[in-house]
N, C-alpha and C. Protein backbone atom coordinates (compact mmCIF):
# COMPACT_ATOMS: atom_id res chain seq x y z
N MET A 1 0.85 -1.19 0.00
CA MET A 1 0.00 0.00 0.00
C MET A 1 0.89 1.24 0.00
N ASP A 2 0.58 2.21 -0.87
CA ASP A 2 1.36 3.44 -0.95
C ASP A 2 1.11 4.31 0.26
N MET A 3 2.17 4.91 0.73
CA MET A 3 2.06 5.85 1.86
C MET A 3 1.83 7.25 1.30
N PRO A 4 1.01 8.04 1.97
CA PRO A 4 0.83 9.42 1.52
C PRO A 4 2.13 10.19 1.70
N PRO A 5 2.32 11.24 0.91
CA PRO A 5 3.55 12.01 1.06
C PRO A 5 3.63 12.65 2.44
N ALA A 6 4.83 12.71 2.96
CA ALA A 6 5.04 13.35 4.27
C ALA A 6 4.82 14.85 4.12
N LYS A 7 4.31 15.44 5.16
CA LYS A 7 4.10 16.88 5.16
C LYS A 7 4.93 17.49 6.27
N VAL A 8 5.61 18.55 5.93
CA VAL A 8 6.45 19.25 6.89
C VAL A 8 6.07 20.72 6.84
N LYS A 9 5.82 21.29 7.98
CA LYS A 9 5.49 22.72 8.03
C LYS A 9 6.80 23.50 8.07
N MET A 10 6.91 24.48 7.16
CA MET A 10 8.12 25.29 7.07
C MET A 10 7.76 26.77 7.10
N THR A 11 8.65 27.54 7.60
CA THR A 11 8.54 28.99 7.53
C THR A 11 9.76 29.47 6.76
N ILE A 12 9.52 30.26 5.72
CA ILE A 12 10.64 30.80 4.97
C ILE A 12 10.59 32.32 5.03
N THR A 13 11.74 32.92 4.95
CA THR A 13 11.84 34.37 4.95
C THR A 13 12.28 34.81 3.56
N VAL A 14 11.54 35.72 2.97
CA VAL A 14 11.86 36.22 1.63
C VAL A 14 11.88 37.74 1.66
N ASP A 15 12.51 38.30 0.64
CA ASP A 15 12.51 39.75 0.50
C ASP A 15 11.08 40.24 0.27
N LEU A 16 10.84 41.48 0.61
CA LEU A 16 9.52 42.08 0.45
C LEU A 16 9.05 41.99 -1.00
N GLN A 17 9.95 42.22 -1.95
CA GLN A 17 9.56 42.17 -3.37
C GLN A 17 9.10 40.77 -3.76
N VAL A 18 9.76 39.75 -3.25
CA VAL A 18 9.37 38.36 -3.54
C VAL A 18 8.00 38.08 -2.93
N ALA A 19 7.80 38.50 -1.69
CA ALA A 19 6.51 38.29 -1.03
C ALA A 19 5.39 38.99 -1.79
N GLU A 20 5.62 40.21 -2.22
CA GLU A 20 4.60 40.95 -2.97
C GLU A 20 4.31 40.26 -4.30
N TYR A 21 5.34 39.75 -4.96
CA TYR A 21 5.17 39.05 -6.23
C TYR A 21 4.29 37.81 -6.04
N LEU A 22 4.63 36.99 -5.03
CA LEU A 22 3.87 35.76 -4.78
C LEU A 22 2.44 36.06 -4.34
N GLU A 23 2.25 37.08 -3.51
CA GLU A 23 0.90 37.46 -3.11
C GLU A 23 0.10 37.94 -4.31
N GLY A 24 0.75 38.65 -5.22
CA GLY A 24 0.08 39.11 -6.44
C GLY A 24 -0.34 37.95 -7.32
N LEU A 25 0.53 36.95 -7.48
CA LEU A 25 0.16 35.76 -8.25
C LEU A 25 -1.04 35.07 -7.64
N HIS A 26 -1.04 34.94 -6.32
CA HIS A 26 -2.15 34.29 -5.63
C HIS A 26 -3.44 35.09 -5.80
N ARG A 27 -3.35 36.40 -5.66
CA ARG A 27 -4.54 37.26 -5.82
C ARG A 27 -5.15 37.10 -7.21
N LYS A 28 -4.29 37.08 -8.25
CA LYS A 28 -4.78 36.93 -9.62
C LYS A 28 -5.45 35.57 -9.81
N LEU A 29 -4.85 34.53 -9.24
CA LEU A 29 -5.44 33.20 -9.34
C LEU A 29 -6.79 33.15 -8.64
N VAL A 30 -6.87 33.72 -7.45
CA VAL A 30 -8.13 33.74 -6.69
C VAL A 30 -9.19 34.47 -7.49
N GLN A 31 -8.85 35.63 -8.04
CA GLN A 31 -9.82 36.40 -8.81
C GLN A 31 -10.33 35.61 -10.01
N ARG A 32 -9.40 34.98 -10.74
CA ARG A 32 -9.78 34.21 -11.92
C ARG A 32 -10.68 33.03 -11.54
N MET A 33 -10.33 32.33 -10.47
CA MET A 33 -11.11 31.17 -10.07
C MET A 33 -12.49 31.57 -9.56
N LEU A 34 -12.58 32.69 -8.85
CA LEU A 34 -13.89 33.16 -8.40
C LEU A 34 -14.77 33.55 -9.58
N GLU A 35 -14.16 34.17 -10.60
CA GLU A 35 -14.92 34.51 -11.81
C GLU A 35 -15.44 33.26 -12.50
N GLU A 36 -14.67 32.18 -12.41
CA GLU A 36 -15.07 30.90 -13.01
C GLU A 36 -15.95 30.08 -12.07
N ARG A 37 -16.28 30.67 -10.93
CA ARG A 37 -17.11 30.02 -9.90
C ARG A 37 -16.48 28.72 -9.40
N ARG A 38 -15.15 28.77 -9.24
CA ARG A 38 -14.42 27.64 -8.67
C ARG A 38 -13.82 28.07 -7.35
N ARG A 39 -13.58 27.11 -6.49
CA ARG A 39 -13.02 27.41 -5.17
C ARG A 39 -11.51 27.63 -5.29
N PRO A 40 -11.04 28.80 -4.91
CA PRO A 40 -9.60 29.06 -5.02
C PRO A 40 -8.82 28.39 -3.89
N PRO A 41 -7.55 28.12 -4.14
CA PRO A 41 -6.73 27.50 -3.09
C PRO A 41 -6.36 28.53 -2.02
N SER A 42 -6.09 28.03 -0.83
CA SER A 42 -5.55 28.91 0.21
C SER A 42 -4.15 29.35 -0.23
N PHE A 43 -3.62 30.36 0.43
CA PHE A 43 -2.27 30.80 0.08
C PHE A 43 -1.27 29.68 0.34
N SER A 44 -1.46 28.93 1.41
CA SER A 44 -0.55 27.80 1.70
C SER A 44 -0.59 26.76 0.60
N GLN A 45 -1.78 26.42 0.12
CA GLN A 45 -1.88 25.43 -0.96
C GLN A 45 -1.29 25.98 -2.24
N PHE A 46 -1.53 27.26 -2.51
CA PHE A 46 -0.95 27.90 -3.69
C PHE A 46 0.57 27.82 -3.64
N MET A 47 1.15 28.16 -2.47
CA MET A 47 2.61 28.12 -2.33
C MET A 47 3.14 26.69 -2.47
N ASN A 48 2.44 25.73 -1.90
CA ASN A 48 2.86 24.33 -2.03
C ASN A 48 2.89 23.91 -3.50
N ASP A 49 1.81 24.21 -4.22
CA ASP A 49 1.74 23.86 -5.64
C ASP A 49 2.81 24.59 -6.45
N TRP A 50 2.97 25.88 -6.18
CA TRP A 50 3.93 26.70 -6.92
C TRP A 50 5.36 26.20 -6.70
N LEU A 51 5.71 25.97 -5.43
CA LEU A 51 7.06 25.47 -5.12
C LEU A 51 7.28 24.08 -5.70
N SER A 52 6.31 23.21 -5.58
CA SER A 52 6.44 21.85 -6.13
C SER A 52 6.68 21.88 -7.62
N ARG A 53 5.91 22.71 -8.33
CA ARG A 53 6.05 22.82 -9.78
C ARG A 53 7.43 23.34 -10.16
N HIS A 54 7.87 24.41 -9.49
CA HIS A 54 9.15 25.00 -9.85
C HIS A 54 10.34 24.13 -9.43
N ILE A 55 10.23 23.45 -8.33
CA ILE A 55 11.31 22.54 -7.91
C ILE A 55 11.38 21.36 -8.87
N SER A 56 10.24 20.82 -9.28
CA SER A 56 10.24 19.70 -10.24
C SER A 56 10.87 20.13 -11.56
N GLU A 57 10.52 21.33 -12.03
CA GLU A 57 11.11 21.84 -13.27
C GLU A 57 12.62 21.97 -13.14
N GLU A 58 13.07 22.48 -12.00
CA GLU A 58 14.51 22.65 -11.77
C GLU A 58 15.21 21.30 -11.72
N MET A 59 14.60 20.33 -11.06
CA MET A 59 15.21 19.00 -10.97
C MET A 59 15.32 18.34 -12.35
N GLU A 60 14.29 18.52 -13.19
CA GLU A 60 14.34 17.98 -14.55
C GLU A 60 15.42 18.66 -15.37
N ARG A 61 15.58 19.95 -15.17
CA ARG A 61 16.57 20.71 -15.91
C ARG A 61 17.98 20.28 -15.53
N VAL A 62 18.20 19.96 -14.27
CA VAL A 62 19.52 19.59 -13.77
C VAL A 62 19.90 18.18 -14.23
N ASP A 63 18.92 17.29 -14.35
CA ASP A 63 19.21 15.90 -14.76
C ASP A 63 19.78 15.81 -16.14
């Protein structure tokens, strides 16, 4: 039987410009999903998805 992925709670510190950029991306996604009458992700879920996608892309690029 497959085990679910482990979850670890992390706190990261980023520059203000990075935080504003990520908050802006989340805001745009929330607005678009609300217009489509879909439930938007929480900021935590958005960050998890965003980081997972970018880390996977980076790992593929390095291989």
